[in-house]
PDB file of all heavy atoms in Angstrom:
ATOM      1  N   LEU A   1     -14.839 100.185  74.614  1.00  0.00           N
ATOM      2  CA  LEU A   1     -13.860  99.245  75.128  1.00  0.00           C
ATOM      3  C   LEU A   1     -13.063  99.866  76.260  1.00  0.00           C
ATOM      4  O   LEU A   1     -12.783  99.221  77.269  1.00  0.00           O
ATOM      5  CB  LEU A   1     -12.930  98.790  73.988  1.00  0.00           C
ATOM      6  CG  LEU A   1     -12.175  97.489  74.195  1.00  0.00           C
ATOM      7  CD1 LEU A   1     -13.133  96.321  74.319  1.00  0.00           C
ATOM      8  CD2 LEU A   1     -11.208  97.247  73.063  1.00  0.00           C
ATOM      9  N   ALA A   2     -12.696 101.137  76.104  1.00  0.00           N
ATOM     10  CA  ALA A   2     -11.916 101.822  77.143  1.00  0.00           C
ATOM     11  C   ALA A   2     -12.716 101.905  78.436  1.00  0.00           C
ATOM     12  O   ALA A   2     -12.194 101.682  79.532  1.00  0.00           O
ATOM     13  CB  ALA A   2     -11.503 103.192  76.652  1.00  0.00           C
ATOM     14  N   LYS A   3     -13.997 102.284  78.317  1.00  0.00           N
ATOM     15  CA  LYS A   3     -14.856 102.404  79.496  1.00  0.00           C
ATOM     16  C   LYS A   3     -15.087 101.056  80.164  1.00  0.00           C
ATOM     17  O   LYS A   3     -15.064 100.947  81.398  1.00  0.00           O
ATOM     18  CB  LYS A   3     -16.166 103.038  79.092  1.00  0.00           C
ATOM     19  CG  LYS A   3     -17.115 103.334  80.262  1.00  0.00           C
ATOM     20  CD  LYS A   3     -16.554 104.423  81.159  1.00  0.00           C
ATOM     21  CE  LYS A   3     -17.540 104.810  82.243  1.00  0.00           C
ATOM     22  NZ  LYS A   3     -16.976 105.811  83.170  1.00  0.00           N
ATOM     23  N   LEU A   4     -15.296 100.049  79.362  1.00  0.00           N
ATOM     24  CA  LEU A   4     -15.534  98.706  79.894  1.00  0.00           C
ATOM     25  C   LEU A   4     -14.312  98.229  80.675  1.00  0.00           C
ATOM     26  O   LEU A   4     -14.433  97.685  81.774  1.00  0.00           O
ATOM     27  CB  LEU A   4     -15.854  97.741  78.757  1.00  0.00           C
ATOM     28  CG  LEU A   4     -16.170  96.297  79.159  1.00  0.00           C
ATOM     29  CD1 LEU A   4     -17.400  96.230  80.062  1.00  0.00           C
ATOM     30  CD2 LEU A   4     -16.375  95.439  77.902  1.00  0.00           C
ATOM     31  N   ALA A   5     -13.119  98.428  80.089  1.00  0.00           N
ATOM     32  CA  ALA A   5     -11.885  98.026  80.776  1.00  0.00           C
ATOM     33  C   ALA A   5     -11.739  98.765  82.098  1.00  0.00           C
ATOM     34  O   ALA A   5     -11.363  98.179  83.127  1.00  0.00           O
ATOM     35  CB  ALA A   5     -10.691  98.280  79.863  1.00  0.00           C
ATOM     36  N   GLN A   6     -12.055 100.053  82.083  1.00  0.00           N
ATOM     37  CA  GLN A   6     -11.960 100.856  83.305  1.00  0.00           C
ATOM     38  C   GLN A   6     -12.940 100.371  84.356  1.00  0.00           C
ATOM     39  O   GLN A   6     -12.609 100.293  85.549  1.00  0.00           O
ATOM     40  CB  GLN A   6     -12.229 102.331  82.957  1.00  0.00           C
ATOM     41  CG  GLN A   6     -12.113 103.280  84.135  1.00  0.00           C
ATOM     42  CD  GLN A   6     -12.447 104.709  83.745  1.00  0.00           C
ATOM     43  OE1 GLN A   6     -13.227 104.942  82.828  1.00  0.00           O
ATOM     44  NE2 GLN A   6     -11.848 105.651  84.426  1.00  0.00           N
ATOM     45  N   GLN A   7     -14.143 100.009  83.941  1.00  0.00           N
ATOM     46  CA  GLN A   7     -15.162  99.564  84.894  1.00  0.00           C
ATOM     47  C   GLN A   7     -14.770  98.304  85.640  1.00  0.00           C
ATOM     48  O   GLN A   7     -15.121  98.123  86.808  1.00  0.00           O
ATOM     49  CB  GLN A   7     -16.493  99.363  84.172  1.00  0.00           C
ATOM     50  CG  GLN A   7     -17.199 100.658  83.786  1.00  0.00           C
ATOM     51  CD  GLN A   7     -18.504 100.404  83.039  1.00  0.00           C
ATOM     52  OE1 GLN A   7     -18.568  99.520  82.201  1.00  0.00           O
ATOM     53  NE2 GLN A   7     -19.514 101.162  83.360  1.00  0.00           N
ATOM     54  N   VAL A   8     -14.037  97.421  84.983  1.00  0.00           N
ATOM     55  CA  VAL A   8     -13.669  96.147  85.627  1.00  0.00           C
ATOM     56  C   VAL A   8     -12.228  96.123  86.112  1.00  0.00           C
ATOM     57  O   VAL A   8     -11.771  95.110  86.672  1.00  0.00           O
ATOM     58  CB  VAL A   8     -13.921  94.946  84.666  1.00  0.00           C
ATOM     59  CG1 VAL A   8     -15.376  94.850  84.309  1.00  0.00           C
ATOM     60  CG2 VAL A   8     -13.055  95.036  83.420  1.00  0.00           C
ATOM     61  N   GLY A   9     -11.507  97.234  85.932  1.00  0.00           N
ATOM     62  CA  GLY A   9     -10.155  97.333  86.479  1.00  0.00           C
ATOM     63  C   GLY A   9      -9.089  96.577  85.724  1.00  0.00           C
ATOM     64  O   GLY A   9      -8.117  96.081  86.320  1.00  0.00           O
ATOM     65  N   LEU A  10      -9.245  96.479  84.382  1.00  0.00           N
ATOM     66  CA  LEU A  10      -8.242  95.843  83.540  1.00  0.00           C
ATOM     67  C   LEU A  10      -7.763  96.819  82.487  1.00  0.00           C
ATOM     68  O   LEU A  10      -8.474  97.767  82.131  1.00  0.00           O
ATOM     69  CB  LEU A  10      -8.811  94.605  82.829  1.00  0.00           C
ATOM     70  CG  LEU A  10      -9.039  93.337  83.664  1.00  0.00           C
ATOM     71  CD1 LEU A  10      -9.763  92.296  82.827  1.00  0.00           C
ATOM     72  CD2 LEU A  10      -7.722  92.779  84.170  1.00  0.00           C
ATOM     73  N   SER A  11      -6.559  96.609  81.962  1.00  0.00           N
ATOM     74  CA  SER A  11      -6.148  97.370  80.790  1.00  0.00           C
ATOM     75  C   SER A  11      -6.906  96.846  79.578  1.00  0.00           C
ATOM     76  O   SER A  11      -7.435  95.725  79.577  1.00  0.00           O
ATOM     77  CB  SER A  11      -4.641  97.222  80.556  1.00  0.00           C
ATOM     78  OG  SER A  11      -4.345  95.903  80.133  1.00  0.00           O
ATOM     79  N   GLU A  12      -6.987  97.641  78.534  1.00  0.00           N
ATOM     80  CA  GLU A  12      -7.729  97.238  77.342  1.00  0.00           C
ATOM     81  C   GLU A  12      -7.113  96.018  76.671  1.00  0.00           C
ATOM     82  O   GLU A  12      -7.824  95.131  76.162  1.00  0.00           O
ATOM     83  CB  GLU A  12      -7.816  98.408  76.356  1.00  0.00           C
ATOM     84  CG  GLU A  12      -8.642  99.551  76.887  1.00  0.00           C
ATOM     85  CD  GLU A  12      -8.558 100.766  75.993  1.00  0.00           C
ATOM     86  OE1 GLU A  12      -8.896 100.637  74.803  1.00  0.00           O
ATOM     87  OE2 GLU A  12      -8.140 101.831  76.483  1.00  0.00           O
ATOM     88  N   ILE A  13      -5.793  95.961  76.664  1.00  0.00           N
ATOM     89  CA  ILE A  13      -5.135  94.804  76.027  1.00  0.00           C
ATOM     90  C   ILE A  13      -5.414  93.537  76.825  1.00  0.00           C
ATOM     91  O   ILE A  13      -5.701  92.484  76.247  1.00  0.00           O
ATOM     92  CB  ILE A  13      -3.608  95.061  75.912  1.00  0.00           C
ATOM     93  CG1 ILE A  13      -3.349  96.094  74.797  1.00  0.00           C
ATOM     94  CG2 ILE A  13      -2.858  93.774  75.617  1.00  0.00           C
ATOM     95  CD1 ILE A  13      -1.896  96.444  74.591  1.00  0.00           C
ATOM     96  N   ARG A  14      -5.381  93.620  78.146  1.00  0.00           N
ATOM     97  CA  ARG A  14      -5.666  92.430  78.957  1.00  0.00           C
ATOM     98  C   ARG A  14      -7.142  92.029  78.859  1.00  0.00           C
ATOM     99  O   ARG A  14      -7.482  90.835  78.897  1.00  0.00           O
ATOM    100  CB  ARG A  14      -5.251  92.666  80.409  1.00  0.00           C
ATOM    101  CG  ARG A  14      -3.738  92.668  80.583  1.00  0.00           C
ATOM    102  CD  ARG A  14      -3.321  92.966  81.990  1.00  0.00           C
ATOM    103  NE  ARG A  14      -3.586  91.889  82.919  1.00  0.00           N
ATOM    104  CZ  ARG A  14      -2.861  90.762  83.013  1.00  0.00           C
ATOM    105  NH1 ARG A  14      -1.849  90.558  82.175  1.00  0.00           N
ATOM    106  NH2 ARG A  14      -3.148  89.847  83.884  1.00  0.00           N
ATOM    107  N   LEU A  15      -8.013  93.014  78.715  1.00  0.00           N
ATOM    108  CA  LEU A  15      -9.423  92.716  78.511  1.00  0.00           C
ATOM    109  C   LEU A  15      -9.619  91.985  77.184  1.00  0.00           C
ATOM    110  O   LEU A  15     -10.328  90.969  77.116  1.00  0.00           O
ATOM    111  CB  LEU A  15     -10.259  93.994  78.557  1.00  0.00           C
ATOM    112  CG  LEU A  15     -11.759  93.834  78.266  1.00  0.00           C
ATOM    113  CD1 LEU A  15     -12.437  92.986  79.339  1.00  0.00           C
ATOM    114  CD2 LEU A  15     -12.428  95.208  78.163  1.00  0.00           C
ATOM    115  N   THR A  16      -9.025  92.507  76.132  1.00  0.00           N
ATOM    116  CA  THR A  16      -9.129  91.888  74.813  1.00  0.00           C
ATOM    117  C   THR A  16      -8.565  90.472  74.829  1.00  0.00           C
ATOM    118  O   THR A  16      -9.156  89.527  74.306  1.00  0.00           O
ATOM    119  CB  THR A  16      -8.376  92.744  73.768  1.00  0.00           C
ATOM    120  OG1 THR A  16      -8.945  94.050  73.726  1.00  0.00           O
ATOM    121  CG2 THR A  16      -8.471  92.134  72.387  1.00  0.00           C
ATOM    122  N   ARG A  17      -7.405  90.321  75.441  1.00  0.00           N
ATOM    123  CA  ARG A  17      -6.761  89.016  75.537  1.00  0.00           C
ATOM    124  C   ARG A  17      -7.606  88.036  76.363  1.00  0.00           C
ATOM    125  O   ARG A  17      -7.751  86.863  76.015  1.00  0.00           O
ATOM    126  CB  ARG A  17      -5.366  89.164  76.163  1.00  0.00           C
ATOM    127  CG  ARG A  17      -4.531  87.901  76.198  1.00  0.00           C
ATOM    128  CD  ARG A  17      -3.218  88.188  76.884  1.00  0.00           C
ATOM    129  NE  ARG A  17      -2.443  89.170  76.155  1.00  0.00           N
ATOM    130  CZ  ARG A  17      -1.459  89.897  76.691  1.00  0.00           C
ATOM    131  NH1 ARG A  17      -1.165  89.762  77.973  1.00  0.00           N
ATOM    132  NH2 ARG A  17      -0.790  90.759  75.955  1.00  0.00           N
ATOM    133  N   GLY A  18      -8.194  88.559  77.430  1.00  0.00           N
ATOM    134  CA  GLY A  18      -9.004  87.713  78.323  1.00  0.00           C
ATOM    135  C   GLY A  18     -10.241  87.165  77.629  1.00  0.00           C
ATOM    136  O   GLY A  18     -10.640  86.014  77.842  1.00  0.00           O
ATOM    137  N   PHE A  19     -10.889  87.999  76.790  1.00  0.00           N
ATOM    138  CA  PHE A  19     -12.057  87.524  76.034  1.00  0.00           C
ATOM    139  C   PHE A  19     -11.645  86.433  75.065  1.00  0.00           C
ATOM    140  O   PHE A  19     -12.362  85.446  74.872  1.00  0.00           O
ATOM    141  CB  PHE A  19     -12.732  88.685  75.304  1.00  0.00           C
ATOM    142  CG  PHE A  19     -13.951  89.202  76.007  1.00  0.00           C
ATOM    143  CD1 PHE A  19     -13.819  89.999  77.137  1.00  0.00           C
ATOM    144  CD2 PHE A  19     -15.216  88.882  75.573  1.00  0.00           C
ATOM    145  CE1 PHE A  19     -14.933  90.471  77.805  1.00  0.00           C
ATOM    146  CE2 PHE A  19     -16.343  89.335  76.239  1.00  0.00           C
ATOM    147  CZ  PHE A  19     -16.204  90.138  77.355  1.00  0.00           C
ATOM    148  N   ARG A  20     -10.491  86.610  74.452  1.00  0.00           N
ATOM    149  CA  ARG A  20     -10.006  85.603  73.509  1.00  0.00           C
ATOM    150  C   ARG A  20      -9.752  84.280  74.236  1.00  0.00           C
ATOM    151  O   ARG A  20     -10.097  83.198  73.739  1.00  0.00           O
ATOM    152  CB  ARG A  20      -8.733  86.096  72.830  1.00  0.00           C
ATOM    153  CG  ARG A  20      -8.053  85.074  71.917  1.00  0.00           C
ATOM    154  CD  ARG A  20      -8.889  84.722  70.726  1.00  0.00           C
ATOM    155  NE  ARG A  20      -8.980  85.797  69.756  1.00  0.00           N
ATOM    156  CZ  ARG A  20      -9.689  85.723  68.641  1.00  0.00           C
ATOM    157  NH1 ARG A  20     -10.394  84.631  68.383  1.00  0.00           N
ATOM    158  NH2 ARG A  20      -9.742  86.742  67.807  1.00  0.00           N
ATOM    159  N   GLN A  21      -9.161  84.340  75.425  1.00  0.00           N
ATOM    160  CA  GLN A  21      -8.840  83.132  76.159  1.00  0.00           C
ATOM    161  C   GLN A  21     -10.077  82.455  76.730  1.00  0.00           C
ATOM    162  O   GLN A  21     -10.193  81.213  76.681  1.00  0.00           O
ATOM    163  CB  GLN A  21      -7.883  83.480  77.316  1.00  0.00           C
ATOM    164  CG  GLN A  21      -6.479  83.829  76.889  1.00  0.00           C
ATOM    165  CD  GLN A  21      -5.624  84.332  78.028  1.00  0.00           C
ATOM    166  OE1 GLN A  21      -4.685  85.071  77.839  1.00  0.00           O
ATOM    167  NE2 GLN A  21      -5.957  83.937  79.244  1.00  0.00           N
ATOM    168  N   ASN A  22     -11.021  83.210  77.274  1.00  0.00           N
ATOM    169  CA  ASN A  22     -12.151  82.631  77.978  1.00  0.00           C
ATOM    170  C   ASN A  22     -13.352  82.352  77.085  1.00  0.00           C
ATOM    171  O   ASN A  22     -14.126  81.436  77.367  1.00  0.00           O
ATOM    172  CB  ASN A  22     -12.574  83.543  79.142  1.00  0.00           C
ATOM    173  CG  ASN A  22     -11.580  83.503  80.285  1.00  0.00           C
ATOM    174  OD1 ASN A  22     -11.638  82.637  81.143  1.00  0.00           O
ATOM    175  ND2 ASN A  22     -10.648  84.453  80.299  1.00  0.00           N
ATOM    176  N   PHE A  23     -13.519  83.146  76.012  1.00  0.00           N
ATOM    177  CA  PHE A  23     -14.695  82.973  75.152  1.00  0.00           C
ATOM    178  C   PHE A  23     -14.325  82.684  73.712  1.00  0.00           C
ATOM    179  O   PHE A  23     -15.198  82.579  72.848  1.00  0.00           O
ATOM    180  CB  PHE A  23     -15.577  84.222  75.224  1.00  0.00           C
ATOM    181  CG  PHE A  23     -15.973  84.608  76.631  1.00  0.00           C
ATOM    182  CD1 PHE A  23     -15.614  85.836  77.156  1.00  0.00           C
ATOM    183  CD2 PHE A  23     -16.679  83.726  77.427  1.00  0.00           C
ATOM    184  CE1 PHE A  23     -15.949  86.191  78.456  1.00  0.00           C
ATOM    185  CE2 PHE A  23     -17.038  84.070  78.732  1.00  0.00           C
ATOM    186  CZ  PHE A  23     -16.672  85.305  79.248  1.00  0.00           C
ATOM    187  N   ASN A  24     -13.017  82.600  73.443  1.00  0.00           N
ATOM    188  CA  ASN A  24     -12.511  82.264  72.119  1.00  0.00           C
ATOM    189  C   ASN A  24     -12.993  83.236  71.044  1.00  0.00           C
ATOM    190  O   ASN A  24     -13.254  82.853  69.903  1.00  0.00           O
ATOM    191  CB  ASN A  24     -12.900  80.825  71.722  1.00  0.00           C
ATOM    192  CG  ASN A  24     -12.066  80.288  70.576  1.00  0.00           C
ATOM    193  OD1 ASN A  24     -10.884  80.638  70.451  1.00  0.00           O
ATOM    194  ND2 ASN A  24     -12.646  79.472  69.729  1.00  0.00           N
ATOM    195  N   THR A  25     -13.120  84.506  71.419  1.00  0.00           N
ATOM    196  CA  THR A  25     -13.556  85.517  70.470  1.00  0.00           C
ATOM    197  C   THR A  25     -13.196  86.886  71.016  1.00  0.00           C
ATOM    198  O   THR A  25     -12.724  87.014  72.152  1.00  0.00           O
ATOM    199  CB  THR A  25     -15.069  85.422  70.193  1.00  0.00           C
ATOM    200  OG1 THR A  25     -15.427  86.289  69.124  1.00  0.00           O
ATOM    201  CG2 THR A  25     -15.894  85.802  71.433  1.00  0.00           C
ATOM    202  N   THR A  26     -13.440  87.936  70.228  1.00  0.00           N
ATOM    203  CA  THR A  26     -13.159  89.294  70.676  1.00  0.00           C
ATOM    204  C   THR A  26     -14.353  89.835  71.454  1.00  0.00           C
ATOM    205  O   THR A  26     -15.450  89.274  71.412  1.00  0.00           O
ATOM    206  CB  THR A  26     -12.882  90.214  69.484  1.00  0.00           C
ATOM    207  OG1 THR A  26     -14.081  90.308  68.680  1.00  0.00           O
ATOM    208  CG2 THR A  26     -11.744  89.688  68.608  1.00  0.00           C
ATOM    209  N   VAL A  27     -14.121  90.974  72.120  1.00  0.00           N
ATOM    210  CA  VAL A  27     -15.200  91.617  72.861  1.00  0.00           C
ATOM    211  C   VAL A  27     -16.351  91.957  71.923  1.00  0.00           C
ATOM    212  O   VAL A  27     -17.531  91.672  72.205  1.00  0.00           O
ATOM    213  CB  VAL A  27     -14.695  92.890  73.558  1.00  0.00           C
ATOM    214  CG1 VAL A  27     -15.837  93.626  74.271  1.00  0.00           C
ATOM    215  CG2 VAL A  27     -13.585  92.554  74.547  1.00  0.00           C
ATOM    216  N   PHE A  28     -16.042  92.568  70.795  1.00  0.00           N
ATOM    217  CA  PHE A  28     -17.095  92.963  69.863  1.00  0.00           C
ATOM    218  C   PHE A  28     -17.841  91.754  69.305  1.00  0.00           C
ATOM    219  O   PHE A  28     -19.062  91.738  69.256  1.00  0.00           O
ATOM    220  CB  PHE A  28     -16.515  93.776  68.702  1.00  0.00           C
ATOM    221  CG  PHE A  28     -17.572  94.133  67.678  1.00  0.00           C
ATOM    222  CD1 PHE A  28     -18.323  95.283  67.823  1.00  0.00           C
ATOM    223  CD2 PHE A  28     -17.842  93.305  66.596  1.00  0.00           C
ATOM    224  CE1 PHE A  28     -19.313  95.606  66.921  1.00  0.00           C
ATOM    225  CE2 PHE A  28     -18.831  93.612  65.682  1.00  0.00           C
ATOM    226  CZ  PHE A  28     -19.569  94.779  65.844  1.00  0.00           C
ATOM    227  N   ASN A  29     -17.098  90.727  68.892  1.00  0.00           N
ATOM    228  CA  ASN A  29     -17.767  89.569  68.302  1.00  0.00           C
ATOM    229  C   ASN A  29     -18.657  88.863  69.328  1.00  0.00           C
ATOM    230  O   ASN A  29     -19.724  88.333  68.989  1.00  0.00           O
ATOM    231  CB  ASN A  29     -16.741  88.587  67.740  1.00  0.00           C
ATOM    232  CG  ASN A  29     -16.172  89.045  66.418  1.00  0.00           C
ATOM    233  OD1 ASN A  29     -16.722  89.925  65.791  1.00  0.00           O
ATOM    234  ND2 ASN A  29     -15.048  88.484  66.028  1.00  0.00           N
ATOM    235  N   TYR A  30     -18.226  88.851  70.582  1.00  0.00           N
ATOM    236  CA  TYR A  30     -19.050  88.249  71.627  1.00  0.00           C
ATOM    237  C   TYR A  30     -20.366  89.041  71.761  1.00  0.00           C
ATOM    238  O   TYR A  30     -21.448  88.454  71.802  1.00  0.00           O
ATOM    239  CB  TYR A  30     -18.313  88.252  72.970  1.00  0.00           C
ATOM    240  CG  TYR A  30     -19.066  87.540  74.065  1.00  0.00           C
ATOM    241  CD1 TYR A  30     -18.894  86.179  74.270  1.00  0.00           C
ATOM    242  CD2 TYR A  30     -19.977  88.216  74.862  1.00  0.00           C
ATOM    243  CE1 TYR A  30     -19.593  85.501  75.258  1.00  0.00           C
ATOM    244  CE2 TYR A  30     -20.694  87.555  75.852  1.00  0.00           C
ATOM    245  CZ  TYR A  30     -20.502  86.198  76.048  1.00  0.00           C
ATOM    246  OH  TYR A  30     -21.218  85.543  77.020  1.00  0.00           O
ATOM    247  N   LEU A  31     -20.244  90.367  71.816  1.00  0.00           N
ATOM    248  CA  LEU A  31     -21.436  91.191  71.917  1.00  0.00           C
ATOM    249  C   LEU A  31     -22.354  91.001  70.702  1.00  0.00           C
ATOM    250  O   LEU A  31     -23.574  90.869  70.837  1.00  0.00           O
ATOM    251  CB  LEU A  31     -21.039  92.671  72.030  1.00  0.00           C
ATOM    252  CG  LEU A  31     -22.177  93.709  72.014  1.00  0.00           C
ATOM    253  CD1 LEU A  31     -23.113  93.488  73.178  1.00  0.00           C
ATOM    254  CD2 LEU A  31     -21.589  95.119  72.023  1.00  0.00           C
ATOM    255  N   HIS A  32     -21.751  90.975  69.518  1.00  0.00           N
ATOM    256  CA  HIS A  32     -22.531  90.797  68.296  1.00  0.00           C
ATOM    257  C   HIS A  32     -23.290  89.478  68.305  1.00  0.00           C
ATOM    258  O   HIS A  32     -24.481  89.432  67.994  1.00  0.00           O
ATOM    259  CB  HIS A  32     -21.595  90.861  67.096  1.00  0.00           C
ATOM    260  CG  HIS A  32     -22.281  90.567  65.783  1.00  0.00           C
ATOM    261  ND1 HIS A  32     -23.173  91.423  65.194  1.00  0.00           N
ATOM    262  CD2 HIS A  32     -22.209  89.478  64.976  1.00  0.00           C
ATOM    263  CE1 HIS A  32     -23.625  90.895  64.079  1.00  0.00           C
ATOM    264  NE2 HIS A  32     -23.052  89.719  63.907  1.00  0.00           N
ATOM    265  N   ASP A  33     -22.601  88.391  68.669  1.00  0.00           N
ATOM    266  CA  ASP A  33     -23.261  87.071  68.698  1.00  0.00           C
ATOM    267  C   ASP A  33     -24.406  87.061  69.710  1.00  0.00           C
ATOM    268  O   ASP A  33     -25.480  86.474  69.430  1.00  0.00           O
ATOM    269  CB  ASP A  33     -22.238  85.992  69.044  1.00  0.00           C
ATOM    270  CG  ASP A  33     -21.299  85.697  67.900  1.00  0.00           C
ATOM    271  OD1 ASP A  33     -21.607  86.112  66.753  1.00  0.00           O
ATOM    272  OD2 ASP A  33     -20.244  85.074  68.129  1.00  0.00           O
ATOM    273  N   GLN A  34     -24.185  87.664  70.866  1.00  0.00           N
ATOM    274  CA  GLN A  34     -25.238  87.690  71.884  1.00  0.00           C
ATOM    275  C   GLN A  34     -26.438  88.528  71.437  1.00  0.00           C
ATOM    276  O   GLN A  34     -27.585  88.206  71.749  1.00  0.00           O
ATOM    277  CB  GLN A  34     -24.662  88.202  73.218  1.00  0.00           C
ATOM    278  CG  GLN A  34     -23.631  87.285  73.842  1.00  0.00           C
ATOM    279  CD  GLN A  34     -24.198  85.886  74.109  1.00  0.00           C
ATOM    280  OE1 GLN A  34     -25.288  85.739  74.647  1.00  0.00           O
ATOM    281  NE2 GLN A  34     -23.436  84.867  73.727  1.00  0.00           N
ATOM    282  N   ARG A  35     -26.166  89.616  70.732  1.00  0.00           N
ATOM    283  CA  ARG A  35     -27.261  90.418  70.182  1.00  0.00           C
ATOM    284  C   ARG A  35     -28.103  89.605  69.213  1.00  0.00           C
ATOM    285  O   ARG A  35     -29.339  89.661  69.229  1.00  0.00           O
ATOM    286  CB  ARG A  35     -26.691  91.656  69.460  1.00  0.00           C
ATOM    287  CG  ARG A  35     -26.300  92.799  70.379  1.00  0.00           C
ATOM    288  CD  ARG A  35     -25.612  93.887  69.580  1.00  0.00           C
ATOM    289  NE  ARG A  35     -25.619  95.156  70.291  1.00  0.00           N
ATOM    290  CZ  ARG A  35     -24.978  96.251  69.864  1.00  0.00           C
ATOM    291  NH1 ARG A  35     -24.296  96.209  68.731  1.00  0.00           N
ATOM    292  NH2 ARG A  35     -25.038  97.360  70.549  1.00  0.00           N
ATOM    293  N   MET A  36     -27.439  88.832  68.357  1.00  0.00           N
ATOM    294  CA  MET A  36     -28.169  88.044  67.391  1.00  0.00           C
ATOM    295  C   MET A  36     -28.968  86.924  68.056  1.00  0.00           C
ATOM    296  O   MET A  36     -30.102  86.630  67.674  1.00  0.00           O
ATOM    297  CB  MET A  36     -27.204  87.437  66.358  1.00  0.00           C
ATOM    298  CG  MET A  36     -26.523  88.480  65.453  1.00  0.00           C
ATOM    299  SD  MET A  36     -27.709  89.438  64.442  1.00  0.00           S
ATOM    300  CE  MET A  36     -27.788  90.966  65.379  1.00  0.00           C
ATOM    301  N   GLU A  37     -28.385  86.309  69.095  1.00  0.00           N
ATOM    302  CA  GLU A  37     -29.104  85.268  69.814  1.00  0.00           C
ATOM    303  C   GLU A  37     -30.324  85.871  70.527  1.00  0.00           C
ATOM    304  O   GLU A  37     -31.409  85.266  70.542  1.00  0.00           O
ATOM    305  CB  GLU A  37     -28.186  84.595  70.847  1.00  0.00           C
ATOM    306  CG  GLU A  37     -27.053  83.796  70.240  1.00  0.00           C
ATOM    307  CD  GLU A  37     -27.547  82.615  69.411  1.00  0.00           C
ATOM    308  OE1 GLU A  37     -28.674  82.122  69.687  1.00  0.00           O
ATOM    309  OE2 GLU A  37     -26.831  82.181  68.506  1.00  0.00           O
ATOM    310  N   ARG A  38     -30.157  87.059  71.104  1.00  0.00           N
ATOM    311  CA  ARG A  38     -31.284  87.726  71.755  1.00  0.00           C
ATOM    312  C   ARG A  38     -32.359  88.089  70.747  1.00  0.00           C
ATOM    313  O   ARG A  38     -33.557  87.937  71.017  1.00  0.00           O
ATOM    314  CB  ARG A  38     -30.759  88.987  72.456  1.00  0.00           C
ATOM    315  CG  ARG A  38     -31.852  89.836  73.124  1.00  0.00           C
ATOM    316  CD  ARG A  38     -32.566  89.080  74.187  1.00  0.00           C
ATOM    317  NE  ARG A  38     -33.530  89.921  74.889  1.00  0.00           N
ATOM    318  CZ  ARG A  38     -34.553  89.463  75.593  1.00  0.00           C
ATOM    319  NH1 ARG A  38     -34.745  88.165  75.696  1.00  0.00           N
ATOM    320  NH2 ARG A  38     -35.379  90.292  76.189  1.00  0.00           N
TER     321      ARG A  38
END
């Protein structure tokens, strides 16, 4: 999560909040769901 936030130029809290706002889930849950769909 720290590396991902750094790569896109956001703080970790804003990254976490942004996933909740835009995808209605956490970063991990989004990744998990996409893994299962794949």
